[in-house]
């Protein structure tokens, strides 16, 4: 399996489990209906962990264009490979969303609320305010990228214990869980363009009864915000960890 295909598969798993937990909570008639934000953030954290475990040895398990761009900026991935990674991630997000639609097929019709249906696929702000929504996505992705780089940096790894391959993915999931609990309230913490854009396209194309619009006017924020945040997270990592170590 090549790296873009691994990114497609890993992101598909991430979205299948991540959007799946949202569907379980917000769609009518499910076993988990109305189980709340803690369930959603926990499910998304586990989704990231499983996706990373599945593909880390093949592609590095970016599963997120913001992470890919940050890695390219740091010289850990050639810029020429970025389009393949991002294309795989967006396609994987789309496919994962289609699988969620299929898994919960009877529940779309009995759920009247259009916003709930859209929320299964992509994020939306609690209070729509462009500048603050963008800032929230930037801050969340800074924490994500900086946390991933810092936790998995050589200073924190012991190659004799297999820490990076054994516990690394679980700790990435822990970062996502923390971001969701602490910073997810304003925008639903996309912190990943592929996680939002691919499923939003799926929502637009799929024959979902009474689904309403796909909120394309907001769709750029969970794309641009994470890219900016990812780059800033990489810059901070270089300033705090790489430059002092090289001095």
Protein backbone atom coordinates (compact mmCIF):
# COMPACT_ATOMS: atom_id res chain seq x y z
CA UNK A 1 0.00 0.00 0.00
CA UNK A 2 1.46 3.37 -1.01
CA UNK A 3 1.30 6.46 1.17
CA UNK A 4 -1.65 8.29 -0.49
CA UNK A 5 -3.71 5.08 -0.42
CA UNK A 6 -2.83 4.59 3.25
CA UNK A 7 -3.91 8.17 3.95
CA UNK A 8 -7.19 7.49 2.15
CA UNK A 9 -7.80 4.34 4.18
CA UNK A 10 -6.77 5.90 7.50
CA UNK A 11 -8.91 9.01 6.98
CA UNK A 12 -11.83 6.82 5.91
CA UNK A 13 -11.57 4.90 9.20
CA UNK A 14 -11.20 8.16 11.15
CA UNK A 15 -14.33 9.68 9.60
CA UNK A 16 -16.31 6.43 9.73
CA UNK A 17 -15.81 6.21 13.48
CA UNK A 18 -15.79 9.98 14.14
CA UNK A 19 -18.86 10.92 12.12
CA UNK A 20 -20.36 7.62 13.28
CA UNK A 21 -20.33 8.66 16.92
CA UNK A 22 -21.98 11.97 16.00
CA UNK A 23 -24.69 10.09 14.11
CA UNK A 24 -25.22 7.83 17.11
CA UNK A 25 -25.74 10.83 19.37
CA UNK A 26 -27.81 13.20 17.20
CA UNK A 27 -29.94 11.00 14.95
CA UNK A 28 -33.31 9.83 16.25
CA UNK A 29 -33.93 6.23 17.24
CA UNK A 30 -30.31 5.23 17.82
CA UNK A 31 -29.05 3.48 20.94
CA UNK A 32 -26.89 6.49 21.76
CA UNK A 33 -29.35 9.29 21.03
CA UNK A 34 -28.79 12.38 23.19
CA UNK A 35 -25.81 10.83 25.00
CA UNK A 36 -23.95 14.13 24.76
CA UNK A 37 -20.71 15.93 24.05
CA UNK A 38 -18.51 13.67 26.19
CA UNK A 39 -19.49 10.69 24.06
CA UNK A 40 -18.78 12.61 20.84
CA UNK A 41 -15.35 13.84 21.91
CA UNK A 42 -14.40 10.42 23.26
CA UNK A 43 -15.54 8.72 20.05
CA UNK A 44 -13.54 11.14 17.92
CA UNK A 45 -10.43 10.63 20.05
CA UNK A 46 -10.70 6.88 19.62
CA UNK A 47 -11.38 7.32 15.90
CA UNK A 48 -8.11 9.21 15.50
CA UNK A 49 -6.25 6.59 17.54
CA UNK A 50 -7.53 3.70 15.41
CA UNK A 51 -6.82 5.56 12.16
CA UNK A 52 -3.27 6.35 13.23
CA UNK A 53 -2.57 2.79 14.37
CA UNK A 54 -3.81 1.47 11.01
CA UNK A 55 -1.52 3.60 8.85
CA UNK A 56 1.37 5.02 10.89
CA UNK A 57 3.89 2.48 9.59
CA UNK A 58 2.93 3.13 5.96
CA UNK A 59 2.43 6.88 5.53
CA UNK A 60 3.12 8.38 8.94
CA UNK A 61 -0.65 8.63 9.49
CA UNK A 62 -1.11 12.36 8.90
CA UNK A 63 -4.83 11.87 8.09
CA UNK A 64 -5.11 15.67 8.00
CA UNK A 65 -3.98 18.21 5.36
CA UNK A 66 -2.96 20.61 8.14
CA UNK A 67 -0.57 18.00 9.52
CA UNK A 68 0.73 17.21 6.02
CA UNK A 69 1.47 20.87 5.26
CA UNK A 70 3.17 21.25 8.66
CA UNK A 71 5.33 18.18 8.01
CA UNK A 72 6.31 19.51 4.59
CA UNK A 73 7.24 22.84 6.15
CA UNK A 74 9.46 20.99 8.64
CA UNK A 75 11.16 19.05 5.86
CA UNK A 76 9.71 15.72 6.99
CA UNK A 77 7.79 15.27 3.72
CA UNK A 78 8.69 16.47 0.19
CA UNK A 79 6.34 19.19 -1.02
CA UNK A 80 5.83 17.18 -4.21
CA UNK A 81 4.06 14.48 -2.15
CA UNK A 82 1.64 16.89 -0.47
CA UNK A 83 -1.05 16.79 -3.23
CA UNK A 84 -1.16 12.98 -3.12
CA UNK A 85 -1.49 12.95 0.65
CA UNK A 86 -4.20 15.64 0.68
CA UNK A 87 -6.11 14.04 -2.20
CA UNK A 88 -6.12 10.72 -0.36
CA UNK A 89 -7.28 12.38 2.85
CA UNK A 90 -10.20 14.24 1.26
CA UNK A 91 -11.27 11.14 -0.67
CA UNK A 92 -11.03 9.08 2.51
CA UNK A 93 -13.17 11.62 4.36
CA UNK A 94 -15.79 11.37 1.62
CA UNK A 95 -15.82 7.56 1.67
CA UNK A 96 -15.98 7.42 5.46
CA UNK A 97 -18.99 9.71 5.42
CA UNK A 98 -20.74 7.55 2.82
CA UNK A 99 -20.23 4.50 5.08
CA UNK A 100 -21.77 6.40 8.01
CA UNK A 101 -24.75 7.27 5.83
CA UNK A 102 -25.17 3.59 4.99
CA UNK A 103 -24.70 2.42 8.58
CA UNK A 104 -27.44 4.75 9.83
CA UNK A 105 -29.67 4.54 6.75
CA UNK A 106 -33.09 4.19 8.49
CA UNK A 107 -32.37 7.05 10.91
CA UNK A 108 -32.07 9.90 8.40
CA UNK A 109 -35.75 9.78 7.52
CA UNK A 110 -36.99 9.84 11.12
CA UNK A 111 -34.70 12.74 12.09
CA UNK A 112 -36.45 16.00 11.22
CA UNK A 113 -33.74 18.47 12.24
CA UNK A 114 -31.67 19.47 9.21
CA UNK A 115 -28.86 20.91 11.30
CA UNK A 116 -28.44 17.60 13.11
CA UNK A 117 -28.12 15.76 9.82
CA UNK A 118 -25.51 18.21 8.55
CA UNK A 119 -23.70 18.02 11.89
CA UNK A 120 -23.07 14.32 11.37
CA UNK A 121 -20.98 15.16 8.31
CA UNK A 122 -19.24 18.42 9.10
CA UNK A 123 -18.81 21.16 11.66
CA UNK A 124 -20.78 24.34 12.26
CA UNK A 125 -20.28 27.20 14.72
CA UNK A 126 -22.30 27.46 17.91
CA UNK A 127 -22.39 31.24 17.34
CA UNK A 128 -21.66 32.32 13.76
CA UNK A 129 -18.89 34.93 13.91
CA UNK A 130 -16.35 34.63 11.10
CA UNK A 131 -13.28 36.09 12.81
CA UNK A 132 -13.71 34.29 16.11
CA UNK A 133 -14.66 31.00 14.40
CA UNK A 134 -11.49 31.19 12.30
CA UNK A 135 -9.37 32.02 15.35
CA UNK A 136 -10.83 29.06 17.26
CA UNK A 137 -9.94 26.64 14.44
CA UNK A 138 -6.43 28.12 14.25
CA UNK A 139 -5.87 27.75 18.00
CA UNK A 140 -7.21 24.19 18.06
CA UNK A 141 -4.96 23.12 15.19
CA UNK A 142 -1.93 24.78 16.75
CA UNK A 143 -2.51 22.64 19.83
CA UNK A 144 -2.97 19.54 17.67
CA UNK A 145 0.15 19.92 15.53
CA UNK A 146 2.34 21.24 18.33
CA UNK A 147 1.15 18.44 20.64
CA UNK A 148 1.80 15.73 18.05
CA UNK A 149 5.26 17.07 17.23
CA UNK A 150 6.24 17.56 20.87
CA UNK A 151 4.94 14.25 22.21
CA UNK A 152 6.50 12.26 19.38
CA UNK A 153 9.76 14.25 19.29
CA UNK A 154 13.04 12.32 19.79
CA UNK A 155 13.52 13.93 23.20
CA UNK A 156 10.37 12.20 24.46
CA UNK A 157 11.00 8.84 22.80
CA UNK A 158 12.94 5.82 24.01
CA UNK A 159 13.65 3.55 21.03
CA UNK A 160 14.31 0.61 23.39
CA UNK A 161 10.70 0.58 24.54
CA UNK A 162 9.00 1.07 21.18
CA UNK A 163 7.22 4.09 22.66
CA UNK A 164 6.54 5.84 19.35
CA UNK A 165 4.83 2.87 17.68
CA UNK A 166 3.24 1.38 20.78
CA UNK A 167 1.88 4.43 22.59
CA UNK A 168 2.27 7.27 20.09
CA UNK A 169 -1.12 6.84 18.35
CA UNK A 170 -2.93 6.62 21.69
CA UNK A 171 -1.34 9.88 22.78
CA UNK A 172 -2.38 11.56 19.53
CA UNK A 173 -5.93 10.48 20.34
CA UNK A 174 -5.51 11.96 23.81
CA UNK A 175 -4.56 15.31 22.25
CA UNK A 176 -7.68 15.26 20.07
CA UNK A 177 -9.83 14.35 23.09
CA UNK A 178 -8.38 17.25 25.06
CA UNK A 179 -8.96 19.70 22.19
CA UNK A 180 -12.54 18.52 21.80
CA UNK A 181 -13.35 18.86 25.48
CA UNK A 182 -11.64 22.23 25.96
CA UNK A 183 -11.80 24.00 22.58
CA UNK A 184 -14.54 22.20 20.66
CA UNK A 185 -17.48 24.23 21.93
CA UNK A 186 -17.36 27.22 19.57
CA UNK A 187 -16.94 25.44 16.20
CA UNK A 188 -17.08 21.68 16.73
CA UNK A 189 -13.27 21.47 16.34
CA UNK A 190 -12.77 20.41 12.74
CA UNK A 191 -8.97 20.94 13.09
CA UNK A 192 -8.72 18.90 9.87
CA UNK A 193 -9.78 20.13 6.40
CA UNK A 194 -10.27 16.59 5.05
CA UNK A 195 -12.44 15.61 8.01
CA UNK A 196 -14.79 18.48 7.20
CA UNK A 197 -14.61 18.98 3.42
CA UNK A 198 -14.88 15.34 2.30
CA UNK A 199 -17.96 14.60 4.42
CA UNK A 200 -19.52 17.96 3.49
CA UNK A 201 -19.27 16.95 -0.17
CA UNK A 202 -20.86 13.62 0.75
CA UNK A 203 -23.73 15.44 2.49
CA UNK A 204 -24.22 17.54 -0.65
CA UNK A 205 -24.33 14.52 -2.98
CA UNK A 206 -26.11 11.83 -0.97
CA UNK A 207 -29.91 11.37 -1.22
CA UNK A 208 -30.64 12.16 2.44
CA UNK A 209 -34.34 12.85 3.12
CA UNK A 210 -34.97 16.45 4.21
CA UNK A 211 -31.28 17.21 4.57
CA UNK A 212 -31.25 20.97 3.84
CA UNK A 213 -28.22 22.92 2.62
CA UNK A 214 -24.55 22.02 3.13
CA UNK A 215 -23.57 25.46 4.53
CA UNK A 216 -20.93 26.20 1.88
CA UNK A 217 -20.65 29.77 3.14
CA UNK A 218 -18.97 28.48 6.30
CA UNK A 219 -17.04 25.64 4.65
CA UNK A 220 -13.83 27.61 4.09
CA UNK A 221 -13.23 28.20 7.82
CA UNK A 222 -12.57 24.53 8.75
CA UNK A 223 -10.20 24.39 5.77
CA UNK A 224 -8.24 27.63 6.08
CA UNK A 225 -8.17 27.78 9.89
CA UNK A 226 -6.52 24.36 10.36
CA UNK A 227 -3.93 25.01 7.62
CA UNK A 228 -2.90 28.28 9.29
CA UNK A 229 -2.96 26.65 12.73
CA UNK A 230 -0.91 23.68 11.52
CA UNK A 231 1.80 25.92 10.12
CA UNK A 232 1.87 28.04 13.29
CA UNK A 233 2.11 24.89 15.40
CA UNK A 234 5.11 23.77 13.35
CA UNK A 235 6.75 27.19 13.69
CA UNK A 236 6.29 27.13 17.48
CA UNK A 237 7.68 23.59 17.63
CA UNK A 238 10.80 24.65 15.74
CA UNK A 239 11.27 27.66 18.02
CA UNK A 240 10.81 25.71 21.27
CA UNK A 241 12.28 22.28 20.52
CA UNK A 242 14.38 22.20 17.34
CA UNK A 243 16.33 25.46 17.56
CA UNK A 244 17.38 25.06 21.23
CA UNK A 245 18.48 21.47 20.55
CA UNK A 246 20.60 22.60 17.60
CA UNK A 247 22.24 25.44 19.54
